[in-house]
Amino acid sequence: MDFQVTIQEGGSMEFETTGIYPRYILFYSSELKRKWRFKLLGEEQSGILKLNKEPAFSYEFLDNTMCKIQVIGENKWHNIEHIITEMRD
């Protein structure tokens, strides 16, 4: 699997209205030429990545240190070894 995972923190527009810096998890697949972006609501989160409105992958993000992805219908999880953290203004 060719997924790149980025944790994006910050964003002045949302901070101005809520007083809290938002956090997002971004997935990118160069093979599929597709991006997904989800707001992180806690230290751990799981969800579904869709292709053409159909569930294609499921993900689990654990403790800000580990992320794994699974193709829907398969039993094998793929660990994402490198997670990028990006700060935004």
C-alpha atoms as a PDB file:
ATOM      1  CA  MET A   1       0.000   0.000   0.000  1.00  0.00           C
ATOM      2  CA  ASP A   2       1.311   3.437  -0.879  1.00  0.00           C
ATOM      3  CA  PHE A   3      -0.488   5.572   1.720  1.00  0.00           C
ATOM      4  CA  GLN A   4       1.087   8.665   3.234  1.00  0.00           C
ATOM      5  CA  VAL A   5      -0.406   9.911   6.513  1.00  0.00           C
ATOM      6  CA  THR A   6      -0.119  13.495   7.746  1.00  0.00           C
ATOM      7  CA  ILE A   7      -1.354  14.937  11.022  1.00  0.00           C
ATOM      8  CA  GLN A   8      -2.195  18.588  10.457  1.00  0.00           C
ATOM      9  CA  GLU A   9      -2.465  20.837  13.511  1.00  0.00           C
ATOM     10  CA  GLY A  10      -3.523  24.459  13.694  1.00  0.00           C
ATOM     11  CA  GLY A  11      -5.513  26.790  11.556  1.00  0.00           C
ATOM     12  CA  SER A  12      -6.050  30.390  12.518  1.00  0.00           C
ATOM     13  CA  MET A  13      -9.594  30.696  11.128  1.00  0.00           C
ATOM     14  CA  GLU A  14     -11.037  27.964  13.344  1.00  0.00           C
ATOM     15  CA  PHE A  15      -8.904  29.059  16.306  1.00  0.00           C
ATOM     16  CA  GLU A  16     -10.387  32.563  16.095  1.00  0.00           C
ATOM     17  CA  THR A  17     -13.931  31.244  16.469  1.00  0.00           C
ATOM     18  CA  THR A  18     -13.409  28.337  18.890  1.00  0.00           C
ATOM     19  CA  GLY A  19     -10.174  29.134  20.742  1.00  0.00           C
ATOM     20  CA  ILE A  20      -8.958  25.592  20.006  1.00  0.00           C
ATOM     21  CA  TYR A  21      -6.436  24.564  17.376  1.00  0.00           C
ATOM     22  CA  PRO A  22      -8.051  21.898  15.187  1.00  0.00           C
ATOM     23  CA  ARG A  23      -6.320  18.622  14.286  1.00  0.00           C
ATOM     24  CA  TYR A  24      -6.864  16.700  11.058  1.00  0.00           C
ATOM     25  CA  ILE A  25      -5.632  13.397   9.707  1.00  0.00           C
ATOM     26  CA  LEU A  26      -4.863  13.380   5.987  1.00  0.00           C
ATOM     27  CA  PHE A  27      -4.427  10.281   3.851  1.00  0.00           C
ATOM     28  CA  TYR A  28      -2.859  10.390   0.399  1.00  0.00           C
ATOM     29  CA  SER A  29      -2.424   7.591  -2.135  1.00  0.00           C
ATOM     30  CA  SER A  30      -0.200   8.404  -5.117  1.00  0.00           C
ATOM     31  CA  GLU A  31      -1.289   5.161  -6.781  1.00  0.00           C
ATOM     32  CA  LEU A  32      -4.974   6.136  -6.615  1.00  0.00           C
ATOM     33  CA  LYS A  33      -4.275   9.889  -6.973  1.00  0.00           C
ATOM     34  CA  ARG A  34      -6.694  10.491  -4.101  1.00  0.00           C
ATOM     35  CA  LYS A  35      -6.723  12.434  -0.804  1.00  0.00           C
ATOM     36  CA  TRP A  36      -8.930  12.057   2.264  1.00  0.00           C
ATOM     37  CA  ARG A  37      -9.152  14.462   5.210  1.00  0.00           C
ATOM     38  CA  PHE A  38     -10.861  13.885   8.562  1.00  0.00           C
ATOM     39  CA  LYS A  39     -11.020  15.944  11.726  1.00  0.00           C
ATOM     40  CA  LEU A  40      -9.307  14.189  14.640  1.00  0.00           C
ATOM     41  CA  LEU A  41     -11.663  14.100  17.590  1.00  0.00           C
ATOM     42  CA  GLY A  42      -9.382  12.343  20.089  1.00  0.00           C
ATOM     43  CA  GLU A  43      -6.156  10.424  20.560  1.00  0.00           C
ATOM     44  CA  GLU A  44      -7.621   7.344  18.870  1.00  0.00           C
ATOM     45  CA  GLN A  45      -9.926   7.199  15.875  1.00  0.00           C
ATOM     46  CA  SER A  46     -11.114   4.766  13.246  1.00  0.00           C
ATOM     47  CA  GLY A  47     -13.041   5.245  10.046  1.00  0.00           C
ATOM     48  CA  ILE A  48     -13.657   4.390   6.412  1.00  0.00           C
ATOM     49  CA  LEU A  49     -12.003   5.786   3.276  1.00  0.00           C
ATOM     50  CA  LYS A  50     -14.350   5.739   0.292  1.00  0.00           C
ATOM     51  CA  LEU A  51     -13.686   5.595  -3.443  1.00  0.00           C
ATOM     52  CA  ASN A  52     -16.544   6.715  -5.701  1.00  0.00           C
ATOM     53  CA  LYS A  53     -18.886   6.771  -2.671  1.00  0.00           C
ATOM     54  CA  GLU A  54     -18.130   3.105  -1.904  1.00  0.00           C
ATOM     55  CA  PRO A  55     -16.162   1.958   1.187  1.00  0.00           C
ATOM     56  CA  ALA A  56     -12.687   0.910   0.034  1.00  0.00           C
ATOM     57  CA  PHE A  57     -10.400   1.032   3.095  1.00  0.00           C
ATOM     58  CA  SER A  58     -10.756   1.159   6.836  1.00  0.00           C
ATOM     59  CA  TYR A  59      -8.228   2.862   9.078  1.00  0.00           C
ATOM     60  CA  GLU A  60      -7.283   2.945  12.754  1.00  0.00           C
ATOM     61  CA  PHE A  61      -5.255   5.779  14.241  1.00  0.00           C
ATOM     62  CA  LEU A  62      -3.874   4.977  17.697  1.00  0.00           C
ATOM     63  CA  ASP A  63      -2.181   7.197  20.283  1.00  0.00           C
ATOM     64  CA  ASN A  64      -0.716   9.698  17.789  1.00  0.00           C
ATOM     65  CA  THR A  65       2.021   7.187  16.991  1.00  0.00           C
ATOM     66  CA  MET A  66       0.511   4.432  14.876  1.00  0.00           C
ATOM     67  CA  CYS A  67      -1.846   4.184  11.940  1.00  0.00           C
ATOM     68  CA  LYS A  68      -2.944   1.081  10.082  1.00  0.00           C
ATOM     69  CA  ILE A  69      -5.043   0.599   6.965  1.00  0.00           C
ATOM     70  CA  GLN A  70      -6.975  -2.389   5.694  1.00  0.00           C
ATOM     71  CA  VAL A  71      -8.617  -3.021   2.330  1.00  0.00           C
ATOM     72  CA  ILE A  72     -12.316  -3.669   2.945  1.00  0.00           C
ATOM     73  CA  GLY A  73     -12.938  -7.400   2.665  1.00  0.00           C
ATOM     74  CA  GLU A  74      -9.377  -8.449   3.531  1.00  0.00           C
ATOM     75  CA  ASN A  75      -8.141  -9.596   6.928  1.00  0.00           C
ATOM     76  CA  LYS A  76      -4.642  -8.120   6.694  1.00  0.00           C
ATOM     77  CA  TRP A  77      -3.787  -4.727   8.238  1.00  0.00           C
ATOM     78  CA  HIS A  78      -0.959  -2.618   6.773  1.00  0.00           C
ATOM     79  CA  ASN A  79       0.984  -0.424   9.208  1.00  0.00           C
ATOM     80  CA  ILE A  80       1.925   3.081   8.143  1.00  0.00           C
ATOM     81  CA  GLU A  81       5.530   3.387   9.286  1.00  0.00           C
ATOM     82  CA  HIS A  82       6.031   7.122   8.842  1.00  0.00           C
ATOM     83  CA  ILE A  83       3.504   9.726  10.008  1.00  0.00           C
ATOM     84  CA  ILE A  84       4.213  13.368   9.170  1.00  0.00           C
ATOM     85  CA  THR A  85       3.156  16.129  11.565  1.00  0.00           C
ATOM     86  CA  GLU A  86       2.463  19.533  10.034  1.00  0.00           C
ATOM     87  CA  MET A  87       1.744  22.797  11.866  1.00  0.00           C
ATOM     88  CA  ARG A  88      -0.424  25.439  10.180  1.00  0.00           C
ATOM     89  CA  ASP A  89      -1.137  29.107  10.919  1.00  0.00           C
END
